[in-house]
Amino acid sequence: MSLLLKLSRLIDAINGWIGKFATWLVLAAVLISAGNAIMRKAFNVGSNAYLEIQWYLFAAVFMFAASYVFLHNGHVRIDFIASRLSKRTNAIIDALGIVVFLIPLCIILIDLSWPFFMRAYISGEMSENAGGLIRWPVILLIPVGFGLLLLQAVSELIKRIAFLTGALPEPFSFGHEKTADEEYAEEMAAKAGTAEAQR
């Protein structure tokens, strides 16, 4: 198990670094978008390449950030139900979800998208828009992004199993931070409990 946990930490480090890199892509997309808008409004000069690079950057952020979000336990879950279950039960549900749904989904999408990328790469597929960009780099983001998510799924599965076997004190590396709505709901529930106790 210690070897698997080392592998999990390595995957976490890789996806952590890639996720932080993706935040800079957001800044790049904003700057390009603002520059393109200024050039178009002020000088009546536009470029399809600038528009498409924004789409490419958005795609990169989305595909690179999926594994980062999973690493930080920020993915969508039904908190109303999960908060009422024990950590052990949640870890079992997570492990089953990873094995039954997430890992097969990633493998299928990598398998389907790789030939799509290869066709675009070999043919040198270009955008149909005048002055548009070559397509294969953005298509490559699909198998790469799902590959990173697959790696993170393996890492999270290792952590859930380690937690269930007593090798880890927590089933994930990073806790899910509560939203303002969740904090408000807990505060209201606490007040209701206090008022009920005073009766």
N, C-alpha and C. Protein backbone atom coordinates (compact mmCIF):
# COMPACT_ATOMS: atom_id res chain seq x y z
N MET A 1 0.82 -1.21 0.00
CA MET A 1 0.00 0.00 0.00
C MET A 1 0.86 1.27 0.00
N SER A 2 2.03 1.21 0.65
CA SER A 2 2.89 2.40 0.71
C SER A 2 3.37 2.79 -0.69
N LEU A 3 3.63 1.80 -1.55
CA LEU A 3 4.04 2.07 -2.92
C LEU A 3 2.91 2.74 -3.70
N LEU A 4 1.70 2.25 -3.50
CA LEU A 4 0.54 2.84 -4.17
C LEU A 4 0.29 4.26 -3.68
N LEU A 5 0.50 4.51 -2.40
CA LEU A 5 0.33 5.86 -1.87
C LEU A 5 1.38 6.82 -2.43
N LYS A 6 2.60 6.32 -2.66
CA LYS A 6 3.63 7.14 -3.31
C LYS A 6 3.21 7.49 -4.73
N LEU A 7 2.65 6.51 -5.44
CA LEU A 7 2.14 6.76 -6.79
C LEU A 7 1.03 7.81 -6.74
N SER A 8 0.14 7.68 -5.76
CA SER A 8 -0.96 8.64 -5.59
C SER A 8 -0.42 10.05 -5.36
N ARG A 9 0.60 10.18 -4.51
CA ARG A 9 1.19 11.51 -4.24
C ARG A 9 1.85 12.09 -5.48
N LEU A 10 2.47 11.23 -6.29
CA LEU A 10 3.09 11.70 -7.54
C LEU A 10 2.03 12.22 -8.50
N ILE A 11 0.94 11.47 -8.65
CA ILE A 11 -0.17 11.90 -9.53
C ILE A 11 -0.75 13.21 -9.01
N ASP A 12 -0.94 13.31 -7.70
CA ASP A 12 -1.48 14.54 -7.10
C ASP A 12 -0.56 15.73 -7.39
N ALA A 13 0.75 15.52 -7.30
CA ALA A 13 1.70 16.60 -7.55
C ALA A 13 1.63 17.06 -9.00
N ILE A 14 1.53 16.09 -9.92
CA ILE A 14 1.46 16.43 -11.35
C ILE A 14 0.19 17.22 -11.64
N ASN A 15 -0.95 16.72 -11.18
CA ASN A 15 -2.21 17.41 -11.45
C ASN A 15 -2.32 18.72 -10.68
N GLY A 16 -1.68 18.80 -9.52
CA GLY A 16 -1.63 20.07 -8.80
C GLY A 16 -0.88 21.13 -9.58
N TRP A 17 0.25 20.74 -10.16
CA TRP A 17 1.05 21.67 -10.95
C TRP A 17 0.29 22.09 -12.21
N ILE A 18 -0.33 21.12 -12.89
CA ILE A 18 -1.06 21.43 -14.12
C ILE A 18 -2.27 22.32 -13.82
N GLY A 19 -2.93 22.08 -12.70
CA GLY A 19 -4.06 22.91 -12.32
C GLY A 19 -3.65 24.36 -12.06
N LYS A 20 -2.51 24.54 -11.41
CA LYS A 20 -2.02 25.91 -11.18
C LYS A 20 -1.61 26.58 -12.49
N PHE A 21 -1.03 25.78 -13.41
CA PHE A 21 -0.70 26.31 -14.73
C PHE A 21 -1.96 26.77 -15.45
N ALA A 22 -3.06 26.02 -15.29
CA ALA A 22 -4.31 26.35 -15.97
C ALA A 22 -4.85 27.71 -15.53
N THR A 23 -4.56 28.12 -14.30
CA THR A 23 -5.04 29.44 -13.85
C THR A 23 -4.39 30.56 -14.67
N TRP A 24 -3.16 30.35 -15.12
CA TRP A 24 -2.50 31.35 -15.96
C TRP A 24 -3.13 31.39 -17.35
N LEU A 25 -3.68 30.27 -17.79
CA LEU A 25 -4.37 30.26 -19.07
C LEU A 25 -5.64 31.12 -19.02
N VAL A 26 -6.27 31.18 -17.85
CA VAL A 26 -7.44 32.05 -17.68
C VAL A 26 -7.02 33.50 -17.89
N LEU A 27 -5.91 33.88 -17.27
CA LEU A 27 -5.40 35.25 -17.43
C LEU A 27 -5.08 35.53 -18.89
N ALA A 28 -4.42 34.58 -19.56
CA ALA A 28 -4.09 34.76 -20.97
C ALA A 28 -5.34 34.95 -21.81
N ALA A 29 -6.38 34.15 -21.53
CA ALA A 29 -7.63 34.27 -22.29
C ALA A 29 -8.27 35.64 -22.07
N VAL A 30 -8.24 36.13 -20.84
CA VAL A 30 -8.83 37.45 -20.53
C VAL A 30 -8.06 38.55 -21.26
N LEU A 31 -6.73 38.50 -21.22
CA LEU A 31 -5.92 39.53 -21.87
C LEU A 31 -6.12 39.52 -23.39
N ILE A 32 -6.15 38.34 -23.98
CA ILE A 32 -6.36 38.24 -25.43
C ILE A 32 -7.75 38.74 -25.80
N SER A 33 -8.73 38.36 -25.00
CA SER A 33 -10.11 38.80 -25.26
C SER A 33 -10.22 40.32 -25.17
N ALA A 34 -9.62 40.90 -24.13
CA ALA A 34 -9.67 42.36 -23.97
C ALA A 34 -8.92 43.05 -25.09
N GLY A 35 -7.74 42.54 -25.44
CA GLY A 35 -6.96 43.14 -26.53
C GLY A 35 -7.69 43.06 -27.86
N ASN A 36 -8.33 41.93 -28.12
CA ASN A 36 -9.08 41.77 -29.36
C ASN A 36 -10.25 42.74 -29.41
N ALA A 37 -10.96 42.90 -28.29
CA ALA A 37 -12.10 43.82 -28.25
C ALA A 37 -11.65 45.26 -28.45
N ILE A 38 -10.54 45.64 -27.84
CA ILE A 38 -10.02 47.01 -27.98
C ILE A 38 -9.62 47.28 -29.44
N MET A 39 -8.91 46.32 -30.04
CA MET A 39 -8.48 46.48 -31.44
C MET A 39 -9.69 46.59 -32.38
N ARG A 40 -10.72 45.81 -32.09
CA ARG A 40 -11.90 45.81 -32.95
C ARG A 40 -12.68 47.11 -32.82
N LYS A 41 -12.85 47.59 -31.58
CA LYS A 41 -13.63 48.81 -31.35
C LYS A 41 -12.86 50.07 -31.71
N ALA A 42 -11.58 50.11 -31.33
CA ALA A 42 -10.80 51.33 -31.53
C ALA A 42 -10.26 51.47 -32.95
N PHE A 43 -9.85 50.36 -33.55
CA PHE A 43 -9.18 50.44 -34.85
C PHE A 43 -9.90 49.66 -35.95
N ASN A 44 -11.05 49.08 -35.61
CA ASN A 44 -11.83 48.30 -36.57
C ASN A 44 -11.00 47.17 -37.19
N VAL A 45 -10.15 46.56 -36.35
CA VAL A 45 -9.30 45.46 -36.78
C VAL A 45 -9.66 44.23 -35.96
N GLY A 46 -9.98 43.15 -36.64
CA GLY A 46 -10.33 41.92 -35.94
C GLY A 46 -9.56 40.74 -36.49
N SER A 47 -9.58 39.65 -35.76
CA SER A 47 -8.86 38.46 -36.20
C SER A 47 -9.57 37.22 -35.70
N ASN A 48 -9.85 36.31 -36.63
CA ASN A 48 -10.44 35.03 -36.23
C ASN A 48 -9.45 34.21 -35.39
N ALA A 49 -8.16 34.40 -35.65
CA ALA A 49 -7.16 33.66 -34.88
C ALA A 49 -7.25 34.03 -33.40
N TYR A 50 -7.44 35.33 -33.10
CA TYR A 50 -7.56 35.75 -31.70
C TYR A 50 -8.82 35.18 -31.06
N LEU A 51 -9.91 35.15 -31.83
CA LEU A 51 -11.14 34.56 -31.29
C LEU A 51 -10.94 33.08 -31.00
N GLU A 52 -10.30 32.38 -31.93
CA GLU A 52 -10.14 30.93 -31.77
C GLU A 52 -9.16 30.59 -30.66
N ILE A 53 -8.13 31.42 -30.48
CA ILE A 53 -7.18 31.12 -29.39
C ILE A 53 -7.88 31.24 -28.04
N GLN A 54 -8.88 32.12 -27.95
CA GLN A 54 -9.67 32.22 -26.71
C GLN A 54 -10.41 30.91 -26.47
N TRP A 55 -10.99 30.36 -27.52
CA TRP A 55 -11.71 29.08 -27.39
C TRP A 55 -10.73 27.97 -27.01
N TYR A 56 -9.55 27.99 -27.61
CA TYR A 56 -8.55 26.98 -27.31
C TYR A 56 -8.14 27.06 -25.84
N LEU A 57 -7.92 28.29 -25.37
CA LEU A 57 -7.51 28.47 -23.98
C LEU A 57 -8.62 28.04 -23.02
N PHE A 58 -9.87 28.36 -23.36
CA PHE A 58 -10.99 27.93 -22.52
C PHE A 58 -11.05 26.41 -22.46
N ALA A 59 -10.87 25.76 -23.62
CA ALA A 59 -10.87 24.30 -23.66
C ALA A 59 -9.74 23.73 -22.81
N ALA A 60 -8.57 24.36 -22.89
CA ALA A 60 -7.42 23.89 -22.10
C ALA A 60 -7.70 24.02 -20.61
N VAL A 61 -8.27 25.15 -20.20
CA VAL A 61 -8.59 25.35 -18.78
C VAL A 61 -9.57 24.28 -18.32
N PHE A 62 -10.60 24.05 -19.10
CA PHE A 62 -11.62 23.07 -18.72
C PHE A 62 -11.03 21.67 -18.62
N MET A 63 -10.25 21.26 -19.62
CA MET A 63 -9.71 19.90 -19.64
C MET A 63 -8.62 19.70 -18.60
N PHE A 64 -7.79 20.72 -18.36
CA PHE A 64 -6.72 20.58 -17.36
C PHE A 64 -7.26 20.71 -15.94
N ALA A 65 -8.33 21.50 -15.77
CA ALA A 65 -8.82 21.76 -14.42
C ALA A 65 -9.67 20.63 -13.86
N ALA A 66 -10.20 19.76 -14.71
CA ALA A 66 -11.08 18.69 -14.22
C ALA A 66 -10.37 17.81 -13.20
N SER A 67 -9.14 17.40 -13.51
CA SER A 67 -8.40 16.55 -12.58
C SER A 67 -7.99 17.33 -11.33
N TYR A 68 -7.70 18.62 -11.49
CA TYR A 68 -7.33 19.48 -10.36
C TYR A 68 -8.50 19.64 -9.39
N VAL A 69 -9.69 19.82 -9.95
CA VAL A 69 -10.91 19.94 -9.12
C VAL A 69 -11.16 18.64 -8.36
N PHE A 70 -10.97 17.52 -9.03
CA PHE A 70 -11.16 16.21 -8.39
C PHE A 70 -10.14 16.03 -7.27
N LEU A 71 -8.90 16.44 -7.52
CA LEU A 71 -7.85 16.36 -6.50
C LEU A 71 -8.24 17.14 -5.25
N HIS A 72 -8.84 18.32 -5.44
CA HIS A 72 -9.21 19.18 -4.32
C HIS A 72 -10.62 18.90 -3.79
N ASN A 73 -11.21 17.79 -4.22
CA ASN A 73 -12.53 17.36 -3.73
C ASN A 73 -13.58 18.45 -3.97
N GLY A 74 -13.45 19.17 -5.09
CA GLY A 74 -14.38 20.25 -5.40
C GLY A 74 -15.41 19.85 -6.44
N HIS A 75 -15.45 18.57 -6.80
CA HIS A 75 -16.39 18.11 -7.81
C HIS A 75 -17.81 18.09 -7.24
N VAL A 76 -18.77 18.01 -8.14
CA VAL A 76 -20.18 18.04 -7.74
C VAL A 76 -20.52 16.75 -7.00
N ARG A 77 -21.14 16.91 -5.86
CA ARG A 77 -21.68 15.76 -5.14
C ARG A 77 -22.95 16.24 -4.45
N ILE A 78 -23.79 15.32 -4.06
CA ILE A 78 -25.04 15.70 -3.41
C ILE A 78 -24.75 15.88 -1.93
N ASP A 79 -24.38 17.12 -1.55
CA ASP A 79 -23.95 17.39 -0.18
C ASP A 79 -25.05 17.11 0.84
N PHE A 80 -26.31 17.31 0.44
CA PHE A 80 -27.43 17.06 1.34
C PHE A 80 -27.42 15.62 1.83
N ILE A 81 -27.06 14.70 0.94
CA ILE A 81 -27.00 13.28 1.30
C ILE A 81 -25.63 12.93 1.90
N ALA A 82 -24.56 13.38 1.23
CA ALA A 82 -23.20 13.03 1.67
C ALA A 82 -22.91 13.49 3.09
N SER A 83 -23.46 14.67 3.46
CA SER A 83 -23.20 15.20 4.80
C SER A 83 -23.85 14.36 5.89
N ARG A 84 -24.83 13.55 5.54
CA ARG A 84 -25.53 12.72 6.52
C ARG A 84 -24.95 11.30 6.61
N LEU A 85 -23.97 11.01 5.75
CA LEU A 85 -23.35 9.70 5.76
C LEU A 85 -21.98 9.76 6.42
N SER A 86 -21.52 8.63 6.92
CA SER A 86 -20.20 8.59 7.54
C SER A 86 -19.12 8.69 6.47
N LYS A 87 -17.90 9.03 6.91
CA LYS A 87 -16.78 9.10 5.97
C LYS A 87 -16.55 7.75 5.30
N ARG A 88 -16.72 6.70 6.06
CA ARG A 88 -16.51 5.36 5.51
C ARG A 88 -17.52 5.06 4.40
N THR A 89 -18.79 5.38 4.65
CA THR A 89 -19.82 5.14 3.63
C THR A 89 -19.56 5.99 2.40
N ASN A 90 -19.20 7.26 2.61
CA ASN A 90 -18.88 8.13 1.47
C ASN A 90 -17.68 7.60 0.69
N ALA A 91 -16.68 7.07 1.40
CA ALA A 91 -15.50 6.52 0.73
C ALA A 91 -15.87 5.30 -0.12
N ILE A 92 -16.76 4.47 0.39
CA ILE A 92 -17.21 3.29 -0.37
C ILE A 92 -17.97 3.74 -1.62
N ILE A 93 -18.88 4.72 -1.46
CA ILE A 93 -19.63 5.23 -2.61
C ILE A 93 -18.68 5.84 -3.64
N ASP A 94 -17.70 6.63 -3.15
CA ASP A 94 -16.71 7.23 -4.06
C ASP A 94 -15.95 6.15 -4.84
N ALA A 95 -15.47 5.14 -4.11
CA ALA A 95 -14.68 4.08 -4.75
C ALA A 95 -15.50 3.36 -5.81
N LEU A 96 -16.75 3.05 -5.50
CA LEU A 96 -17.62 2.39 -6.48
C LEU A 96 -17.87 3.28 -7.68
N GLY A 97 -18.10 4.57 -7.44
CA GLY A 97 -18.32 5.52 -8.54
C GLY A 97 -17.11 5.64 -9.45
N ILE A 98 -15.92 5.65 -8.83
CA ILE A 98 -14.68 5.74 -9.61
C ILE A 98 -14.50 4.50 -10.49
N VAL A 99 -14.71 3.33 -9.89
CA VAL A 99 -14.48 2.07 -10.61
C VAL A 99 -15.55 1.81 -11.67
N VAL A 100 -16.81 2.06 -11.32
CA VAL A 100 -17.92 1.70 -12.21
C VAL A 100 -18.17 2.76 -13.29
N PHE A 101 -18.00 4.04 -12.94
CA PHE A 101 -18.36 5.10 -13.88
C PHE A 101 -17.16 5.90 -14.41
N LEU A 102 -16.35 6.47 -13.51
CA LEU A 102 -15.34 7.43 -13.95
C LEU A 102 -14.21 6.80 -14.77
N ILE A 103 -13.63 5.72 -14.27
CA ILE A 103 -12.52 5.09 -15.00
C ILE A 103 -12.97 4.58 -16.37
N PRO A 104 -14.10 3.85 -16.47
CA PRO A 104 -14.55 3.42 -17.81
C PRO A 104 -14.85 4.61 -18.74
N LEU A 105 -15.45 5.68 -18.20
CA LEU A 105 -15.76 6.85 -19.02
C LEU A 105 -14.48 7.46 -19.59
N CYS A 106 -13.46 7.62 -18.75
CA CYS A 106 -12.19 8.19 -19.21
C CYS A 106 -11.55 7.31 -20.29
N ILE A 107 -11.56 6.01 -20.08
CA ILE A 107 -10.96 5.10 -21.06
C ILE A 107 -11.70 5.16 -22.39
N ILE A 108 -13.03 5.18 -22.34
CA ILE A 108 -13.83 5.25 -23.56
C ILE A 108 -13.56 6.55 -24.31
N LEU A 109 -13.53 7.67 -23.59
CA LEU A 109 -13.34 8.96 -24.26
C LEU A 109 -11.92 9.13 -24.80
N ILE A 110 -10.94 8.58 -24.12
CA ILE A 110 -9.57 8.60 -24.66
C ILE A 110 -9.53 7.77 -25.94
N ASP A 111 -10.14 6.59 -25.90
CA ASP A 111 -10.15 5.69 -27.05
C ASP A 111 -10.86 6.32 -28.25
N LEU A 112 -11.95 7.04 -28.00
CA LEU A 112 -12.71 7.67 -29.09
C LEU A 112 -12.02 8.92 -29.63
N SER A 113 -11.37 9.68 -28.76
CA SER A 113 -10.81 10.97 -29.18
C SER A 113 -9.42 10.85 -29.81
N TRP A 114 -8.67 9.78 -29.49
CA TRP A 114 -7.32 9.66 -30.04
C TRP A 114 -7.32 9.55 -31.57
N PRO A 115 -8.15 8.70 -32.19
CA PRO A 115 -8.19 8.66 -33.67
C PRO A 115 -8.64 10.00 -34.27
N PHE A 116 -9.54 10.69 -33.60
CA PHE A 116 -10.00 12.02 -34.03
C PHE A 116 -8.81 12.98 -34.07
N PHE A 117 -7.99 12.95 -33.02
CA PHE A 117 -6.78 13.78 -32.99
C PHE A 117 -5.81 13.39 -34.09
N MET A 118 -5.57 12.08 -34.27
CA MET A 118 -4.61 11.61 -35.26
C MET A 118 -5.01 12.02 -36.68
N ARG A 119 -6.31 11.95 -36.98
CA ARG A 119 -6.77 12.37 -38.31
C ARG A 119 -6.50 13.85 -38.53
N ALA A 120 -6.78 14.65 -37.50
CA ALA A 120 -6.56 16.10 -37.61
C ALA A 120 -5.07 16.41 -37.74
N TYR A 121 -4.25 15.67 -37.00
CA TYR A 121 -2.80 15.90 -37.03
C TYR A 121 -2.20 15.53 -38.39
N ILE A 122 -2.56 14.35 -38.89
CA ILE A 122 -2.01 13.86 -40.15
C ILE A 122 -2.46 14.73 -41.33
N SER A 123 -3.73 15.14 -41.30
CA SER A 123 -4.26 15.94 -42.41
C SER A 123 -3.90 17.42 -42.29
N GLY A 124 -3.40 17.84 -41.12
CA GLY A 124 -3.12 19.26 -40.92
C GLY A 124 -4.39 20.09 -40.93
N GLU A 125 -5.46 19.52 -40.39
CA GLU A 125 -6.77 20.17 -40.42
C GLU A 125 -6.70 21.61 -39.88
N MET A 126 -7.29 22.52 -40.65
CA MET A 126 -7.32 23.94 -40.29
C MET A 126 -8.75 24.37 -40.02
N SER A 127 -8.89 25.45 -39.31
CA SER A 127 -10.20 26.04 -39.09
C SER A 127 -10.79 26.48 -40.42
N GLU A 128 -12.10 26.39 -40.54
CA GLU A 128 -12.78 26.83 -41.76
C GLU A 128 -12.88 28.35 -41.83
N ASN A 129 -12.65 29.05 -40.72
CA ASN A 129 -12.72 30.50 -40.69
C ASN A 129 -11.46 31.11 -41.31
N ALA A 130 -11.62 32.21 -41.99
CA ALA A 130 -10.48 32.90 -42.60
C ALA A 130 -9.51 33.34 -41.50
N GLY A 131 -8.24 32.99 -41.69
CA GLY A 131 -7.24 33.36 -40.69
C GLY A 131 -7.31 32.52 -39.42
N GLY A 132 -8.06 31.42 -39.48
CA GLY A 132 -8.22 30.56 -38.30
C GLY A 132 -6.98 29.72 -38.03
N LEU A 133 -7.03 28.98 -36.95
CA LEU A 133 -5.86 28.24 -36.48
C LEU A 133 -5.92 26.76 -36.89
N ILE A 134 -4.78 26.11 -36.76
CA ILE A 134 -4.71 24.66 -36.97
C ILE A 134 -5.47 23.99 -35.83
N ARG A 135 -6.13 22.88 -36.12
CA ARG A 135 -7.07 22.29 -35.16
C ARG A 135 -6.47 21.24 -34.23
N TRP A 136 -5.41 20.54 -34.63
CA TRP A 136 -4.99 19.38 -33.84
C TRP A 136 -4.58 19.72 -32.41
N PRO A 137 -4.00 20.90 -32.12
CA PRO A 137 -3.63 21.14 -30.72
C PRO A 137 -4.84 21.15 -29.77
N VAL A 138 -5.95 21.73 -30.22
CA VAL A 138 -7.12 21.77 -29.34
C VAL A 138 -7.79 20.41 -29.25
N ILE A 139 -7.73 19.63 -30.34
CA ILE A 139 -8.31 18.28 -30.29
C ILE A 139 -7.49 17.38 -29.37
N LEU A 140 -6.18 17.60 -29.35
CA LEU A 140 -5.30 16.82 -28.47
C LEU A 140 -5.66 17.02 -27.00
N LEU A 141 -6.25 18.17 -26.68
CA LEU A 141 -6.64 18.43 -25.29
C LEU A 141 -7.64 17.39 -24.77
N ILE A 142 -8.43 16.81 -25.66
CA ILE A 142 -9.46 15.85 -25.22
C ILE A 142 -8.82 14.59 -24.63
N PRO A 143 -7.99 13.85 -25.37
CA PRO A 143 -7.38 12.67 -24.75
C PRO A 143 -6.43 13.01 -23.60
N VAL A 144 -5.72 14.14 -23.72
CA VAL A 144 -4.81 14.53 -22.64
C VAL A 144 -5.60 14.85 -21.36
N GLY A 145 -6.66 15.63 -21.50
CA GLY A 145 -7.47 15.99 -20.34
C GLY A 145 -8.09 14.79 -19.67
N PHE A 146 -8.64 13.88 -20.46
CA PHE A 146 -9.24 12.67 -19.87
C PHE A 146 -8.17 11.72 -19.35
N GLY A 147 -6.97 11.78 -19.94
CA GLY A 147 -5.85 11.00 -19.40
C GLY A 147 -5.47 11.48 -18.01
N LEU A 148 -5.42 12.80 -17.84
CA LEU A 148 -5.11 13.37 -16.52
C LEU A 148 -6.21 13.03 -15.52
N LEU A 149 -7.46 13.10 -15.97
CA LEU A 149 -8.58 12.75 -15.08
C LEU A 149 -8.53 11.27 -14.71
N LEU A 150 -8.14 10.42 -15.65
CA LEU A 150 -7.99 8.98 -15.37
C LEU A 150 -6.91 8.75 -14.32
N LEU A 151 -5.78 9.44 -14.47
CA LEU A 151 -4.72 9.33 -13.46
C LEU A 151 -5.22 9.76 -12.09
N GLN A 152 -5.95 10.87 -12.05
CA GLN A 152 -6.46 11.36 -10.76
C GLN A 152 -7.49 10.40 -10.19
N ALA A 153 -8.27 9.77 -11.05
CA ALA A 153 -9.24 8.77 -10.58
C ALA A 153 -8.51 7.62 -9.91
N VAL A 154 -7.39 7.18 -10.49
CA VAL A 154 -6.59 6.10 -9.88
C VAL A 154 -6.06 6.56 -8.53
N SER A 155 -5.55 7.80 -8.48
CA SER A 155 -5.03 8.34 -7.22
C SER A 155 -6.11 8.39 -6.15
N GLU A 156 -7.30 8.88 -6.53
CA GLU A 156 -8.39 8.99 -5.55
C GLU A 156 -8.87 7.61 -5.11
N LEU A 157 -8.87 6.64 -6.02
CA LEU A 157 -9.25 5.28 -5.66
C LEU A 157 -8.27 4.70 -4.65
N ILE A 158 -6.98 4.93 -4.88
CA ILE A 158 -5.95 4.46 -3.93
C ILE A 158 -6.20 5.06 -2.55
N LYS A 159 -6.50 6.36 -2.51
CA LYS A 159 -6.73 7.03 -1.21
C LYS A 159 -7.97 6.49 -0.51
N ARG A 160 -9.04 6.23 -1.27
CA ARG A 160 -10.26 5.70 -0.65
C ARG A 160 -10.01 4.30 -0.09
N ILE A 161 -9.30 3.48 -0.85
CA ILE A 161 -8.98 2.12 -0.38
C ILE A 161 -8.06 2.19 0.84
N ALA A 162 -7.08 3.08 0.79
CA ALA A 162 -6.16 3.24 1.93
C ALA A 162 -6.92 3.67 3.17
N PHE A 163 -7.89 4.57 3.01
CA PHE A 163 -8.71 5.01 4.14
C PHE A 163 -9.54 3.84 4.69
N LEU A 164 -10.14 3.08 3.79
CA LEU A 164 -11.00 1.97 4.21
C LEU A 164 -10.21 0.86 4.90
N THR A 165 -8.94 0.72 4.55
CA THR A 165 -8.10 -0.31 5.17
C THR A 165 -7.32 0.22 6.38
N GLY A 166 -7.51 1.50 6.70
CA GLY A 166 -6.85 2.08 7.87
C GLY A 166 -5.46 2.61 7.62
N ALA A 167 -5.03 2.68 6.36
CA ALA A 167 -3.69 3.17 6.04
C ALA A 167 -3.63 4.69 5.94
N LEU A 168 -4.79 5.34 5.83
CA LEU A 168 -4.87 6.81 5.79
C LEU A 168 -5.94 7.28 6.76
N PRO A 169 -5.70 8.43 7.43
CA PRO A 169 -6.72 8.93 8.36
C PRO A 169 -7.89 9.62 7.65
N GLU A 170 -7.67 10.09 6.43
CA GLU A 170 -8.71 10.78 5.65
C GLU A 170 -8.80 10.15 4.26
N PRO A 171 -10.00 10.15 3.66
CA PRO A 171 -10.14 9.53 2.34
C PRO A 171 -9.69 10.39 1.17
N PHE A 172 -9.30 11.66 1.44
CA PHE A 172 -8.83 12.53 0.36
C PHE A 172 -7.78 13.48 0.89
N SER A 173 -7.03 14.08 -0.05
CA SER A 173 -5.93 14.97 0.34
C SER A 173 -6.42 16.32 0.81
N PHE A 174 -7.47 16.83 0.15
CA PHE A 174 -7.96 18.18 0.44
C PHE A 174 -9.43 18.09 0.78
N GLY A 175 -9.83 18.81 1.81
CA GLY A 175 -11.23 18.83 2.20
C GLY A 175 -12.05 19.72 1.28
N HIS A 176 -13.34 19.41 1.21
CA HIS A 176 -14.26 20.25 0.44
C HIS A 176 -14.61 21.46 1.28
N GLU A 177 -14.24 22.66 0.79
CA GLU A 177 -14.57 23.88 1.52
C GLU A 177 -16.06 24.15 1.40
N LYS A 178 -16.66 24.56 2.51
CA LYS A 178 -18.10 24.80 2.51
C LYS A 178 -18.41 26.11 1.78
N THR A 179 -19.51 26.08 1.02
CA THR A 179 -19.96 27.29 0.36
C THR A 179 -20.70 28.15 1.38
N ALA A 180 -20.96 29.41 1.01
CA ALA A 180 -21.70 30.31 1.89
C ALA A 180 -23.09 29.75 2.18
N ASP A 181 -23.71 29.12 1.18
CA ASP A 181 -25.04 28.52 1.37
C ASP A 181 -25.00 27.38 2.38
N GLU A 182 -23.96 26.54 2.28
CA GLU A 182 -23.82 25.43 3.22
C GLU A 182 -23.60 25.93 4.64
N GLU A 183 -22.76 26.96 4.78
CA GLU A 183 -22.51 27.52 6.11
C GLU A 183 -23.79 28.13 6.69
N TYR A 184 -24.56 28.83 5.82
CA TYR A 184 -25.81 29.44 6.26
C TYR A 184 -26.82 28.38 6.70
N ALA A 185 -26.91 27.29 5.90
CA ALA A 185 -27.84 26.19 6.24
C ALA A 185 -27.47 25.56 7.57
N GLU A 186 -26.16 25.37 7.82
CA GLU A 186 -25.72 24.80 9.09
C GLU A 186 -26.02 25.74 10.25
N GLU A 187 -25.83 27.03 10.01
CA GLU A 187 -26.11 28.03 11.06
C GLU A 187 -27.60 28.05 11.41
N MET A 188 -28.45 27.99 10.38
CA MET A 188 -29.90 27.98 10.61
C MET A 188 -30.33 26.70 11.33
N ALA A 189 -29.73 25.58 10.95
CA ALA A 189 -30.05 24.31 11.60
C ALA A 189 -29.63 24.34 13.07
N ALA A 190 -28.47 24.94 13.34
CA ALA A 190 -27.99 25.05 14.72
C ALA A 190 -28.93 25.94 15.54
N LYS A 191 -29.39 27.05 14.95
CA LYS A 191 -30.32 27.95 15.65
C LYS A 191 -31.65 27.25 15.91
N ALA A 192 -32.11 26.48 14.92
CA ALA A 192 -33.37 25.75 15.10
C ALA A 192 -33.23 24.71 16.20
N GLY A 193 -32.08 24.06 16.25
CA GLY A 193 -31.83 23.07 17.30
C GLY A 193 -31.77 23.71 18.67
N THR A 194 -31.16 24.88 18.76
CA THR A 194 -31.07 25.61 20.03
C THR A 194 -32.45 26.04 20.49
N ALA A 195 -33.26 26.57 19.55
CA ALA A 195 -34.62 27.01 19.89
C ALA A 195 -35.48 25.85 20.34
N GLU A 196 -35.30 24.70 19.70
CA GLU A 196 -36.06 23.49 20.07
C GLU A 196 -35.66 23.00 21.46
N ALA A 197 -34.36 23.11 21.78
CA ALA A 197 -33.88 22.66 23.08
C ALA A 197 -34.37 23.56 24.21
N GLN A 198 -34.60 24.86 23.90
CA GLN A 198 -35.04 25.81 24.93
C GLN A 198 -36.51 25.66 25.25
N ARG A 199 -37.28 24.97 24.40
CA ARG A 199 -38.70 24.81 24.66
C ARG A 199 -38.98 23.84 25.78
